[in-house]
Amino acid sequence: MLNKNLKLQSGVSLIEILVTTLILGIGLLGVASLQVASVSSNQEGFFSSQATSIAEELSSRIRASKVAEMIPGSTLTHDAYIANYVDNAGYDCAVAPVMYCRSNLGAVPDVACSDGVDDLEDLTTFDKWDVCKIAENTLPGGKVRVLSSGWRLSVVVEWDSAKARADLGQQTNINTDCAAIIGDAEKNCVVVEILP
């Protein structure tokens, strides 16, 4: 009788294999869910760092362009200088500027520039178009706008936020303060304030 009992317990049953497979499968689904959430989070972090870089690039260009006020014989006022960069609706980069006159500012006018005069208008036209193209090519739905409060500028870079997967229990990571600035609750943004 002892031999008969040993014979019954010598193998693994099909039910034990199925239970083990089920437990392993549930564990792997959990790992896959975490991987998807991680990719989404990393993507939003990448967009945020790219937007910050773009905003700081435009801020640097605005500060560097201030030298146009100091060119001998310049009639440019600080208010006019600021007004060239302000655009509440967002920069439009659909049409490239006629010429890229950024490097010639203050030099002998080049007839190839838009109006034959290398002035701040040419400079800001190029800066706005160039930064707009960078945002458009780097961020999904990327857009740049500059707001003025009189004595300071706010450079706003916005993008379409990475969508969360509701079926995995994720939540979309959107800065709710952006909706008040850009008027779209589905977009995320970075705001850099400068004193030009």
N, C-alpha and C. Protein backbone atom coordinates (compact mmCIF):
# COMPACT_ATOMS: atom_id res chain seq x y z
N MET A 1 0.80 -1.18 0.00
CA MET A 1 0.00 0.00 0.00
C MET A 1 0.85 1.26 0.00
N LEU A 2 2.00 1.22 0.57
CA LEU A 2 2.88 2.37 0.61
C LEU A 2 3.36 2.74 -0.78
N ASN A 3 3.65 1.80 -1.61
CA ASN A 3 4.08 2.05 -2.99
C ASN A 3 2.99 2.72 -3.80
N LYS A 4 1.77 2.34 -3.59
CA LYS A 4 0.64 2.90 -4.34
C LYS A 4 0.50 4.41 -4.07
N ASN A 5 0.65 4.88 -2.84
CA ASN A 5 0.56 6.31 -2.48
C ASN A 5 1.70 7.12 -3.09
N LEU A 6 2.89 6.59 -3.11
CA LEU A 6 4.03 7.28 -3.70
C LEU A 6 3.82 7.48 -5.20
N LYS A 7 3.23 6.52 -5.83
CA LYS A 7 3.00 6.59 -7.27
C LYS A 7 2.03 7.70 -7.61
N LEU A 8 1.02 7.96 -6.80
CA LEU A 8 0.03 9.00 -7.07
C LEU A 8 0.63 10.40 -6.93
N GLN A 9 1.64 10.64 -6.12
CA GLN A 9 2.20 11.95 -5.86
C GLN A 9 3.47 12.21 -6.66
N SER A 10 3.81 11.45 -7.63
CA SER A 10 5.10 11.59 -8.28
C SER A 10 5.14 12.62 -9.40
N GLY A 11 4.05 13.17 -9.91
CA GLY A 11 4.07 14.12 -11.01
C GLY A 11 3.39 15.43 -10.67
N VAL A 12 3.47 16.41 -11.60
CA VAL A 12 2.80 17.70 -11.45
C VAL A 12 1.53 17.63 -12.27
N SER A 13 0.46 18.03 -11.66
CA SER A 13 -0.81 17.94 -12.37
C SER A 13 -0.99 19.13 -13.32
N LEU A 14 -1.87 18.97 -14.27
CA LEU A 14 -2.18 20.00 -15.24
C LEU A 14 -2.78 21.23 -14.57
N ILE A 15 -3.56 21.03 -13.53
CA ILE A 15 -4.18 22.14 -12.80
C ILE A 15 -3.11 23.00 -12.14
N GLU A 16 -2.09 22.41 -11.56
CA GLU A 16 -1.01 23.16 -10.94
C GLU A 16 -0.25 23.99 -11.98
N ILE A 17 -0.05 23.45 -13.16
CA ILE A 17 0.63 24.18 -14.23
C ILE A 17 -0.22 25.36 -14.69
N LEU A 18 -1.51 25.17 -14.83
CA LEU A 18 -2.41 26.25 -15.25
C LEU A 18 -2.46 27.37 -14.22
N VAL A 19 -2.51 27.03 -12.94
CA VAL A 19 -2.53 28.05 -11.88
C VAL A 19 -1.23 28.84 -11.89
N THR A 20 -0.11 28.15 -12.03
CA THR A 20 1.19 28.83 -12.09
C THR A 20 1.26 29.76 -13.29
N THR A 21 0.80 29.32 -14.43
CA THR A 21 0.80 30.14 -15.64
C THR A 21 -0.09 31.37 -15.47
N LEU A 22 -1.24 31.20 -14.84
CA LEU A 22 -2.14 32.33 -14.59
C LEU A 22 -1.49 33.37 -13.69
N ILE A 23 -0.86 32.93 -12.62
CA ILE A 23 -0.20 33.86 -11.70
C ILE A 23 0.95 34.59 -12.40
N LEU A 24 1.72 33.88 -13.17
CA LEU A 24 2.82 34.48 -13.92
C LEU A 24 2.29 35.48 -14.95
N GLY A 25 1.21 35.14 -15.62
CA GLY A 25 0.60 36.04 -16.62
C GLY A 25 0.10 37.33 -16.00
N ILE A 26 -0.54 37.24 -14.83
CA ILE A 26 -1.03 38.44 -14.14
C ILE A 26 0.16 39.32 -13.74
N GLY A 27 1.21 38.72 -13.28
CA GLY A 27 2.42 39.48 -12.92
C GLY A 27 3.03 40.19 -14.11
N LEU A 28 3.10 39.51 -15.23
CA LEU A 28 3.67 40.12 -16.45
C LEU A 28 2.79 41.25 -16.98
N LEU A 29 1.47 41.12 -16.84
CA LEU A 29 0.57 42.22 -17.25
C LEU A 29 0.82 43.45 -16.38
N GLY A 30 1.06 43.25 -15.11
CA GLY A 30 1.36 44.37 -14.21
C GLY A 30 2.66 45.06 -14.61
N VAL A 31 3.67 44.28 -14.96
CA VAL A 31 4.95 44.84 -15.40
C VAL A 31 4.76 45.62 -16.70
N ALA A 32 3.97 45.09 -17.63
CA ALA A 32 3.71 45.78 -18.91
C ALA A 32 2.98 47.10 -18.66
N SER A 33 2.03 47.11 -17.73
CA SER A 33 1.30 48.33 -17.40
C SER A 33 2.26 49.39 -16.84
N LEU A 34 3.16 48.99 -15.97
CA LEU A 34 4.14 49.92 -15.43
C LEU A 34 5.06 50.45 -16.52
N GLN A 35 5.41 49.61 -17.48
CA GLN A 35 6.27 50.04 -18.58
C GLN A 35 5.58 51.11 -19.43
N VAL A 36 4.31 50.92 -19.74
CA VAL A 36 3.55 51.89 -20.52
C VAL A 36 3.46 53.21 -19.76
N ALA A 37 3.17 53.16 -18.47
CA ALA A 37 3.09 54.37 -17.65
C ALA A 37 4.44 55.08 -17.60
N SER A 38 5.50 54.33 -17.51
CA SER A 38 6.85 54.90 -17.47
C SER A 38 7.19 55.61 -18.77
N VAL A 39 6.86 55.01 -19.89
CA VAL A 39 7.13 55.63 -21.19
C VAL A 39 6.35 56.93 -21.33
N SER A 40 5.09 56.93 -20.93
CA SER A 40 4.26 58.14 -21.00
C SER A 40 4.83 59.24 -20.12
N SER A 41 5.26 58.89 -18.92
CA SER A 41 5.83 59.86 -17.98
C SER A 41 7.14 60.42 -18.52
N ASN A 42 7.97 59.55 -19.06
CA ASN A 42 9.24 60.00 -19.63
C ASN A 42 9.02 60.91 -20.82
N GLN A 43 8.03 60.62 -21.63
CA GLN A 43 7.74 61.44 -22.79
C GLN A 43 7.31 62.85 -22.37
N GLU A 44 6.47 62.95 -21.37
CA GLU A 44 6.02 64.26 -20.89
C GLU A 44 7.19 65.03 -20.29
N GLY A 45 8.09 64.35 -19.59
CA GLY A 45 9.29 64.99 -19.05
C GLY A 45 10.19 65.51 -20.15
N PHE A 46 10.32 64.74 -21.23
CA PHE A 46 11.12 65.17 -22.39
C PHE A 46 10.51 66.41 -23.01
N PHE A 47 9.18 66.41 -23.20
CA PHE A 47 8.51 67.58 -23.77
C PHE A 47 8.73 68.81 -22.90
N SER A 48 8.65 68.63 -21.61
CA SER A 48 8.83 69.75 -20.68
C SER A 48 10.24 70.32 -20.76
N SER A 49 11.24 69.47 -20.83
CA SER A 49 12.62 69.96 -20.92
C SER A 49 12.88 70.62 -22.26
N GLN A 50 12.31 70.09 -23.33
CA GLN A 50 12.46 70.72 -24.65
C GLN A 50 11.79 72.10 -24.67
N ALA A 51 10.60 72.21 -24.09
CA ALA A 51 9.89 73.48 -24.05
C ALA A 51 10.67 74.51 -23.23
N THR A 52 11.26 74.08 -22.13
CA THR A 52 12.08 74.98 -21.32
C THR A 52 13.27 75.48 -22.11
N SER A 53 13.90 74.60 -22.84
CA SER A 53 15.04 74.98 -23.66
C SER A 53 14.65 76.00 -24.74
N ILE A 54 13.50 75.78 -25.37
CA ILE A 54 13.02 76.70 -26.40
C ILE A 54 12.71 78.06 -25.80
N ALA A 55 12.05 78.09 -24.63
CA ALA A 55 11.71 79.35 -23.97
C ALA A 55 12.98 80.11 -23.57
N GLU A 56 13.98 79.40 -23.10
CA GLU A 56 15.22 80.06 -22.72
C GLU A 56 15.98 80.56 -23.95
N GLU A 57 15.89 79.82 -25.04
CA GLU A 57 16.51 80.27 -26.30
C GLU A 57 15.91 81.60 -26.75
N LEU A 58 14.58 81.69 -26.75
CA LEU A 58 13.94 82.95 -27.16
C LEU A 58 14.26 84.05 -26.17
N SER A 59 14.29 83.75 -24.89
CA SER A 59 14.64 84.76 -23.88
C SER A 59 16.03 85.32 -24.12
N SER A 60 16.97 84.45 -24.45
CA SER A 60 18.34 84.89 -24.76
C SER A 60 18.37 85.76 -26.00
N ARG A 61 17.61 85.40 -27.00
CA ARG A 61 17.57 86.20 -28.23
C ARG A 61 16.97 87.59 -27.95
N ILE A 62 15.94 87.62 -27.12
CA ILE A 62 15.31 88.91 -26.80
C ILE A 62 16.30 89.80 -26.05
N ARG A 63 16.99 89.23 -25.09
CA ARG A 63 17.97 90.02 -24.34
C ARG A 63 19.11 90.49 -25.25
N ALA A 64 19.59 89.60 -26.13
CA ALA A 64 20.69 89.95 -27.03
C ALA A 64 20.27 91.02 -28.03
N SER A 65 19.03 91.04 -28.44
CA SER A 65 18.55 92.01 -29.42
C SER A 65 18.43 93.41 -28.85
N LYS A 66 18.46 93.51 -27.54
CA LYS A 66 18.34 94.82 -26.90
C LYS A 66 19.46 95.76 -27.32
N VAL A 67 20.56 95.19 -27.78
CA VAL A 67 21.69 96.01 -28.22
C VAL A 67 21.29 96.93 -29.38
N ALA A 68 20.21 96.60 -30.08
CA ALA A 68 19.76 97.44 -31.19
C ALA A 68 19.39 98.84 -30.72
N GLU A 69 18.97 98.94 -29.46
CA GLU A 69 18.65 100.26 -28.90
C GLU A 69 19.90 101.13 -28.76
N MET A 70 21.05 100.48 -28.64
CA MET A 70 22.28 101.20 -28.36
C MET A 70 23.07 101.57 -29.60
N ILE A 71 22.61 101.16 -30.76
CA ILE A 71 23.32 101.48 -32.00
C ILE A 71 23.27 102.99 -32.20
N PRO A 72 24.42 103.63 -32.48
CA PRO A 72 24.42 105.09 -32.69
C PRO A 72 23.42 105.48 -33.79
N GLY A 73 22.63 106.48 -33.48
CA GLY A 73 21.64 106.96 -34.44
C GLY A 73 20.33 106.19 -34.39
N SER A 74 20.22 105.16 -33.53
CA SER A 74 19.00 104.38 -33.46
C SER A 74 17.89 105.20 -32.82
N THR A 75 16.71 105.13 -33.40
CA THR A 75 15.56 105.82 -32.84
C THR A 75 14.64 104.84 -32.11
N LEU A 76 15.12 103.64 -31.95
CA LEU A 76 14.32 102.59 -31.32
C LEU A 76 14.18 102.83 -29.82
N THR A 77 12.97 102.82 -29.33
CA THR A 77 12.73 102.97 -27.89
C THR A 77 12.58 101.59 -27.27
N HIS A 78 12.70 101.54 -25.97
CA HIS A 78 12.57 100.26 -25.27
C HIS A 78 11.17 99.66 -25.47
N ASP A 79 10.15 100.50 -25.44
CA ASP A 79 8.78 100.02 -25.63
C ASP A 79 8.58 99.42 -27.02
N ALA A 80 9.16 100.08 -28.04
CA ALA A 80 9.04 99.55 -29.41
C ALA A 80 9.80 98.23 -29.54
N TYR A 81 10.93 98.16 -28.89
CA TYR A 81 11.73 96.94 -28.90
C TYR A 81 10.94 95.77 -28.31
N ILE A 82 10.31 96.00 -27.16
CA ILE A 82 9.50 94.97 -26.51
C ILE A 82 8.32 94.58 -27.39
N ALA A 83 7.66 95.56 -27.96
CA ALA A 83 6.45 95.32 -28.76
C ALA A 83 6.72 94.41 -29.95
N ASN A 84 7.95 94.43 -30.48
CA ASN A 84 8.27 93.59 -31.63
C ASN A 84 8.17 92.10 -31.31
N TYR A 85 8.40 91.71 -30.07
CA TYR A 85 8.38 90.30 -29.70
C TYR A 85 7.05 89.82 -29.13
N VAL A 86 6.22 90.75 -28.66
CA VAL A 86 4.96 90.38 -28.01
C VAL A 86 3.95 89.89 -29.03
N ASP A 87 3.35 88.74 -28.76
CA ASP A 87 2.29 88.19 -29.60
C ASP A 87 1.44 87.27 -28.73
N ASN A 88 0.29 87.76 -28.30
CA ASN A 88 -0.58 87.01 -27.39
C ASN A 88 -1.18 85.76 -28.04
N ALA A 89 -1.38 85.79 -29.35
CA ALA A 89 -2.02 84.67 -30.05
C ALA A 89 -1.04 83.55 -30.37
N GLY A 90 0.24 83.85 -30.41
CA GLY A 90 1.24 82.83 -30.74
C GLY A 90 1.90 83.14 -32.07
N TYR A 91 3.18 82.83 -32.15
CA TYR A 91 3.95 83.09 -33.37
C TYR A 91 3.46 82.19 -34.50
N ASP A 92 3.48 82.75 -35.70
CA ASP A 92 3.07 82.01 -36.89
C ASP A 92 4.33 81.68 -37.70
N CYS A 93 4.56 80.42 -37.94
CA CYS A 93 5.76 80.05 -38.69
C CYS A 93 5.42 79.38 -40.01
N ALA A 94 4.23 79.67 -40.52
CA ALA A 94 3.82 79.07 -41.79
C ALA A 94 4.63 79.64 -42.95
N VAL A 95 4.95 80.93 -42.88
CA VAL A 95 5.68 81.59 -43.98
C VAL A 95 7.04 82.03 -43.47
N ALA A 96 8.09 81.57 -44.14
CA ALA A 96 9.45 81.95 -43.74
C ALA A 96 9.69 83.42 -44.08
N PRO A 97 10.54 84.09 -43.29
CA PRO A 97 10.87 85.48 -43.61
C PRO A 97 11.57 85.55 -44.96
N VAL A 98 11.50 86.73 -45.60
CA VAL A 98 12.10 86.88 -46.92
C VAL A 98 13.58 86.56 -46.88
N MET A 99 14.27 87.13 -45.91
CA MET A 99 15.70 86.86 -45.77
C MET A 99 16.03 86.72 -44.29
N TYR A 100 17.15 86.11 -44.02
CA TYR A 100 17.60 85.94 -42.65
C TYR A 100 18.62 87.04 -42.36
N CYS A 101 18.17 88.13 -41.78
CA CYS A 101 19.01 89.31 -41.61
C CYS A 101 19.55 89.45 -40.19
N ARG A 102 19.55 88.40 -39.42
CA ARG A 102 19.95 88.49 -38.03
C ARG A 102 21.40 88.93 -37.86
N SER A 103 22.30 88.45 -38.64
CA SER A 103 23.72 88.73 -38.43
C SER A 103 24.15 90.10 -38.94
N ASN A 104 23.31 90.80 -39.67
CA ASN A 104 23.71 92.08 -40.26
C ASN A 104 23.25 93.29 -39.48
N LEU A 105 22.61 93.11 -38.36
CA LEU A 105 22.00 94.23 -37.65
C LEU A 105 23.02 95.33 -37.37
N GLY A 106 22.70 96.54 -37.79
CA GLY A 106 23.56 97.69 -37.55
C GLY A 106 24.63 97.87 -38.60
N ALA A 107 24.75 96.92 -39.52
CA ALA A 107 25.75 97.02 -40.57
C ALA A 107 25.16 97.78 -41.76
N VAL A 108 25.95 97.89 -42.81
CA VAL A 108 25.46 98.53 -44.03
C VAL A 108 24.28 97.71 -44.53
N PRO A 109 23.16 98.37 -44.84
CA PRO A 109 21.99 97.62 -45.28
C PRO A 109 22.29 96.72 -46.47
N ASP A 110 21.69 95.57 -46.44
CA ASP A 110 21.84 94.58 -47.51
C ASP A 110 20.54 94.59 -48.29
N VAL A 111 20.62 94.81 -49.60
CA VAL A 111 19.40 94.89 -50.40
C VAL A 111 18.65 93.57 -50.41
N ALA A 112 19.31 92.50 -49.99
CA ALA A 112 18.64 91.20 -49.96
C ALA A 112 17.66 91.08 -48.80
N CYS A 113 17.77 91.95 -47.79
CA CYS A 113 16.84 91.87 -46.66
C CYS A 113 15.46 92.36 -47.11
N SER A 114 14.48 92.11 -46.30
CA SER A 114 13.10 92.32 -46.71
C SER A 114 12.81 93.72 -47.24
N ASP A 115 13.31 94.75 -46.57
CA ASP A 115 13.02 96.11 -47.03
C ASP A 115 14.28 96.88 -47.39
N GLY A 116 15.41 96.18 -47.49
CA GLY A 116 16.67 96.85 -47.82
C GLY A 116 17.32 97.50 -46.62
N VAL A 117 16.72 97.39 -45.46
CA VAL A 117 17.29 97.97 -44.25
C VAL A 117 17.39 96.87 -43.20
N ASP A 118 18.58 96.69 -42.65
CA ASP A 118 18.76 95.69 -41.60
C ASP A 118 18.34 96.34 -40.28
N ASP A 119 17.11 96.10 -39.87
CA ASP A 119 16.61 96.74 -38.67
C ASP A 119 16.05 95.70 -37.71
N LEU A 120 15.53 96.18 -36.60
CA LEU A 120 15.03 95.27 -35.58
C LEU A 120 13.83 94.47 -36.07
N GLU A 121 13.07 95.04 -36.98
CA GLU A 121 11.92 94.31 -37.51
C GLU A 121 12.37 93.03 -38.23
N ASP A 122 13.45 93.15 -39.02
CA ASP A 122 14.00 91.96 -39.68
C ASP A 122 14.50 90.95 -38.65
N LEU A 123 15.16 91.47 -37.63
CA LEU A 123 15.71 90.61 -36.59
C LEU A 123 14.61 89.86 -35.86
N THR A 124 13.58 90.56 -35.42
CA THR A 124 12.51 89.90 -34.67
C THR A 124 11.69 88.98 -35.56
N THR A 125 11.51 89.36 -36.82
CA THR A 125 10.78 88.49 -37.75
C THR A 125 11.48 87.14 -37.86
N PHE A 126 12.81 87.18 -38.00
CA PHE A 126 13.56 85.94 -38.09
C PHE A 126 13.52 85.17 -36.77
N ASP A 127 13.76 85.86 -35.64
CA ASP A 127 13.76 85.19 -34.34
C ASP A 127 12.43 84.50 -34.07
N LYS A 128 11.34 85.19 -34.31
CA LYS A 128 10.02 84.63 -34.06
C LYS A 128 9.76 83.41 -34.95
N TRP A 129 10.12 83.52 -36.22
CA TRP A 129 9.90 82.40 -37.15
C TRP A 129 10.79 81.21 -36.76
N ASP A 130 12.05 81.48 -36.46
CA ASP A 130 13.00 80.41 -36.15
C ASP A 130 12.59 79.64 -34.88
N VAL A 131 12.25 80.36 -33.82
CA VAL A 131 11.85 79.71 -32.57
C VAL A 131 10.52 78.98 -32.77
N CYS A 132 9.63 79.56 -33.56
CA CYS A 132 8.35 78.91 -33.85
C CYS A 132 8.57 77.57 -34.57
N LYS A 133 9.49 77.56 -35.54
CA LYS A 133 9.79 76.32 -36.27
C LYS A 133 10.41 75.27 -35.35
N ILE A 134 11.28 75.71 -34.46
CA ILE A 134 11.90 74.77 -33.51
C ILE A 134 10.82 74.12 -32.66
N ALA A 135 9.90 74.92 -32.13
CA ALA A 135 8.81 74.38 -31.30
C ALA A 135 7.91 73.47 -32.11
N GLU A 136 7.60 73.86 -33.33
CA GLU A 136 6.72 73.06 -34.18
C GLU A 136 7.35 71.71 -34.52
N ASN A 137 8.66 71.69 -34.73
CA ASN A 137 9.35 70.46 -35.12
C ASN A 137 9.74 69.58 -33.93
N THR A 138 9.79 70.16 -32.75
CA THR A 138 10.25 69.42 -31.57
C THR A 138 9.11 68.89 -30.71
N LEU A 139 8.03 69.67 -30.61
CA LEU A 139 6.94 69.33 -29.71
C LEU A 139 5.66 69.03 -30.49
N PRO A 140 4.84 68.09 -30.02
CA PRO A 140 3.57 67.84 -30.70
C PRO A 140 2.62 69.03 -30.47
N GLY A 141 2.22 69.66 -31.56
CA GLY A 141 1.35 70.84 -31.44
C GLY A 141 2.07 72.01 -30.80
N GLY A 142 3.40 72.07 -30.93
CA GLY A 142 4.21 73.10 -30.29
C GLY A 142 3.89 74.50 -30.80
N LYS A 143 3.83 75.43 -29.87
CA LYS A 143 3.52 76.82 -30.21
C LYS A 143 4.21 77.73 -29.20
N VAL A 144 4.62 78.92 -29.66
CA VAL A 144 5.30 79.88 -28.80
C VAL A 144 4.53 81.19 -28.83
N ARG A 145 4.38 81.79 -27.67
CA ARG A 145 3.78 83.13 -27.58
C ARG A 145 4.53 83.91 -26.52
N VAL A 146 4.49 85.24 -26.66
CA VAL A 146 5.12 86.12 -25.67
C VAL A 146 4.08 87.10 -25.20
N LEU A 147 3.88 87.14 -23.89
CA LEU A 147 2.91 88.04 -23.27
C LEU A 147 3.67 89.14 -22.53
N SER A 148 3.08 90.32 -22.46
CA SER A 148 3.71 91.44 -21.77
C SER A 148 2.83 91.93 -20.64
N SER A 149 3.48 92.21 -19.51
CA SER A 149 2.75 92.81 -18.40
C SER A 149 3.22 94.24 -18.19
N GLY A 150 3.85 94.81 -19.19
CA GLY A 150 4.34 96.18 -19.10
C GLY A 150 5.83 96.22 -18.82
N TRP A 151 6.26 95.66 -17.71
CA TRP A 151 7.68 95.71 -17.35
C TRP A 151 8.38 94.37 -17.45
N ARG A 152 7.64 93.32 -17.74
CA ARG A 152 8.26 92.00 -17.91
C ARG A 152 7.56 91.26 -19.04
N LEU A 153 8.27 90.29 -19.58
CA LEU A 153 7.73 89.44 -20.64
C LEU A 153 7.60 88.02 -20.12
N SER A 154 6.55 87.34 -20.55
CA SER A 154 6.38 85.92 -20.25
C SER A 154 6.45 85.15 -21.55
N VAL A 155 7.48 84.32 -21.68
CA VAL A 155 7.63 83.46 -22.86
C VAL A 155 6.91 82.16 -22.54
N VAL A 156 5.89 81.84 -23.34
CA VAL A 156 5.06 80.66 -23.10
C VAL A 156 5.28 79.68 -24.27
N VAL A 157 5.71 78.47 -23.95
CA VAL A 157 5.84 77.41 -24.95
C VAL A 157 4.84 76.33 -24.57
N GLU A 158 3.96 76.00 -25.50
CA GLU A 158 2.90 75.03 -25.23
C GLU A 158 3.00 73.82 -26.16
N TRP A 159 2.40 72.72 -25.74
CA TRP A 159 2.38 71.51 -26.56
C TRP A 159 1.19 70.64 -26.15
N ASP A 160 0.85 69.71 -27.04
CA ASP A 160 -0.21 68.74 -26.74
C ASP A 160 0.35 67.74 -25.73
N SER A 161 -0.30 67.64 -24.60
CA SER A 161 0.18 66.76 -23.54
C SER A 161 0.05 65.29 -23.96
N ALA A 162 0.98 64.47 -23.47
CA ALA A 162 0.92 63.03 -23.74
C ALA A 162 -0.35 62.48 -23.10
N LYS A 163 -1.11 61.73 -23.86
CA LYS A 163 -2.39 61.19 -23.37
C LYS A 163 -2.16 60.01 -22.43
N ALA A 164 -2.87 60.02 -21.33
CA ALA A 164 -2.80 58.92 -20.38
C ALA A 164 -3.74 57.80 -20.82
N ARG A 165 -3.44 56.62 -20.41
CA ARG A 165 -4.29 55.48 -20.73
C ARG A 165 -5.22 55.22 -19.55
N ALA A 166 -6.48 55.57 -19.72
CA ALA A 166 -7.47 55.39 -18.65
C ALA A 166 -7.65 53.91 -18.31
N ASP A 167 -7.49 53.03 -19.30
CA ASP A 167 -7.66 51.60 -19.04
C ASP A 167 -6.57 51.05 -18.12
N LEU A 168 -5.48 51.78 -17.98
CA LEU A 168 -4.41 51.36 -17.08
C LEU A 168 -4.42 52.14 -15.77
N GLY A 169 -5.42 53.01 -15.62
CA GLY A 169 -5.53 53.79 -14.40
C GLY A 169 -4.63 55.01 -14.36
N GLN A 170 -4.08 55.42 -15.52
CA GLN A 170 -3.20 56.59 -15.56
C GLN A 170 -4.02 57.87 -15.57
N GLN A 171 -3.37 58.95 -15.16
CA GLN A 171 -3.96 60.27 -15.25
C GLN A 171 -3.06 61.14 -16.11
N THR A 172 -3.67 62.01 -16.91
CA THR A 172 -2.89 62.92 -17.74
C THR A 172 -2.25 63.97 -16.85
N ASN A 173 -0.97 64.23 -17.10
CA ASN A 173 -0.21 65.18 -16.29
C ASN A 173 -0.20 66.54 -16.98
N ILE A 174 -1.19 67.37 -16.65
CA ILE A 174 -1.31 68.70 -17.27
C ILE A 174 -1.25 69.75 -16.19
N ASN A 175 -0.47 70.80 -16.45
CA ASN A 175 -0.40 71.94 -15.55
C ASN A 175 -1.68 72.75 -15.75
N THR A 176 -2.56 72.75 -14.77
CA THR A 176 -3.86 73.41 -14.91
C THR A 176 -3.74 74.92 -15.04
N ASP A 177 -2.63 75.51 -14.61
CA ASP A 177 -2.43 76.95 -14.77
C ASP A 177 -2.24 77.33 -16.24
N CYS A 178 -1.85 76.38 -17.07
CA CYS A 178 -1.65 76.67 -18.49
C CYS A 178 -2.97 77.02 -19.18
N ALA A 179 -4.05 76.39 -18.77
CA ALA A 179 -5.35 76.64 -19.41
C ALA A 179 -5.75 78.10 -19.30
N ALA A 180 -5.43 78.74 -18.19
CA ALA A 180 -5.76 80.17 -18.02
C ALA A 180 -4.95 81.04 -18.98
N ILE A 181 -3.75 80.61 -19.34
CA ILE A 181 -2.89 81.41 -20.21
C ILE A 181 -3.20 81.15 -21.67
N ILE A 182 -3.32 79.87 -22.05
CA ILE A 182 -3.47 79.52 -23.46
C ILE A 182 -4.88 79.18 -23.88
N GLY A 183 -5.77 79.00 -22.91
CA GLY A 183 -7.17 78.76 -23.23
C GLY A 183 -7.49 77.35 -23.70
N ASP A 184 -6.64 76.37 -23.39
CA ASP A 184 -6.88 74.99 -23.80
C ASP A 184 -6.49 74.07 -22.66
N ALA A 185 -7.46 73.38 -22.09
CA ALA A 185 -7.22 72.52 -20.93
C ALA A 185 -6.49 71.23 -21.29
N GLU A 186 -6.33 70.93 -22.58
CA GLU A 186 -5.66 69.70 -23.02
C GLU A 186 -4.19 69.90 -23.33
N LYS A 187 -3.71 71.16 -23.21
CA LYS A 187 -2.32 71.44 -23.53
C LYS A 187 -1.52 71.69 -22.26
N ASN A 188 -0.25 71.41 -22.35
CA ASN A 188 0.68 71.69 -21.26
C ASN A 188 1.55 72.86 -21.68
N CYS A 189 2.22 73.49 -20.75
CA CYS A 189 3.07 74.62 -21.13
C CYS A 189 4.20 74.82 -20.13
N VAL A 190 5.16 75.63 -20.58
CA VAL A 190 6.26 76.11 -19.74
C VAL A 190 6.25 77.62 -19.89
N VAL A 191 6.40 78.33 -18.79
CA VAL A 191 6.42 79.79 -18.82
C VAL A 191 7.75 80.26 -18.23
N VAL A 192 8.45 81.09 -18.99
CA VAL A 192 9.69 81.70 -18.51
C VAL A 192 9.49 83.20 -18.53
N GLU A 193 9.67 83.82 -17.38
CA GLU A 193 9.50 85.27 -17.30
C GLU A 193 10.86 85.95 -17.33
N ILE A 194 10.92 87.05 -18.09
CA ILE A 194 12.19 87.78 -18.21
C ILE A 194 11.94 89.27 -18.05
N LEU A 195 12.98 89.95 -17.65
CA LEU A 195 13.00 91.41 -17.61
C LEU A 195 13.97 91.87 -18.68
N PRO A 196 13.46 92.21 -19.86
CA PRO A 196 14.38 92.57 -20.96
C PRO A 196 15.04 93.92 -20.75
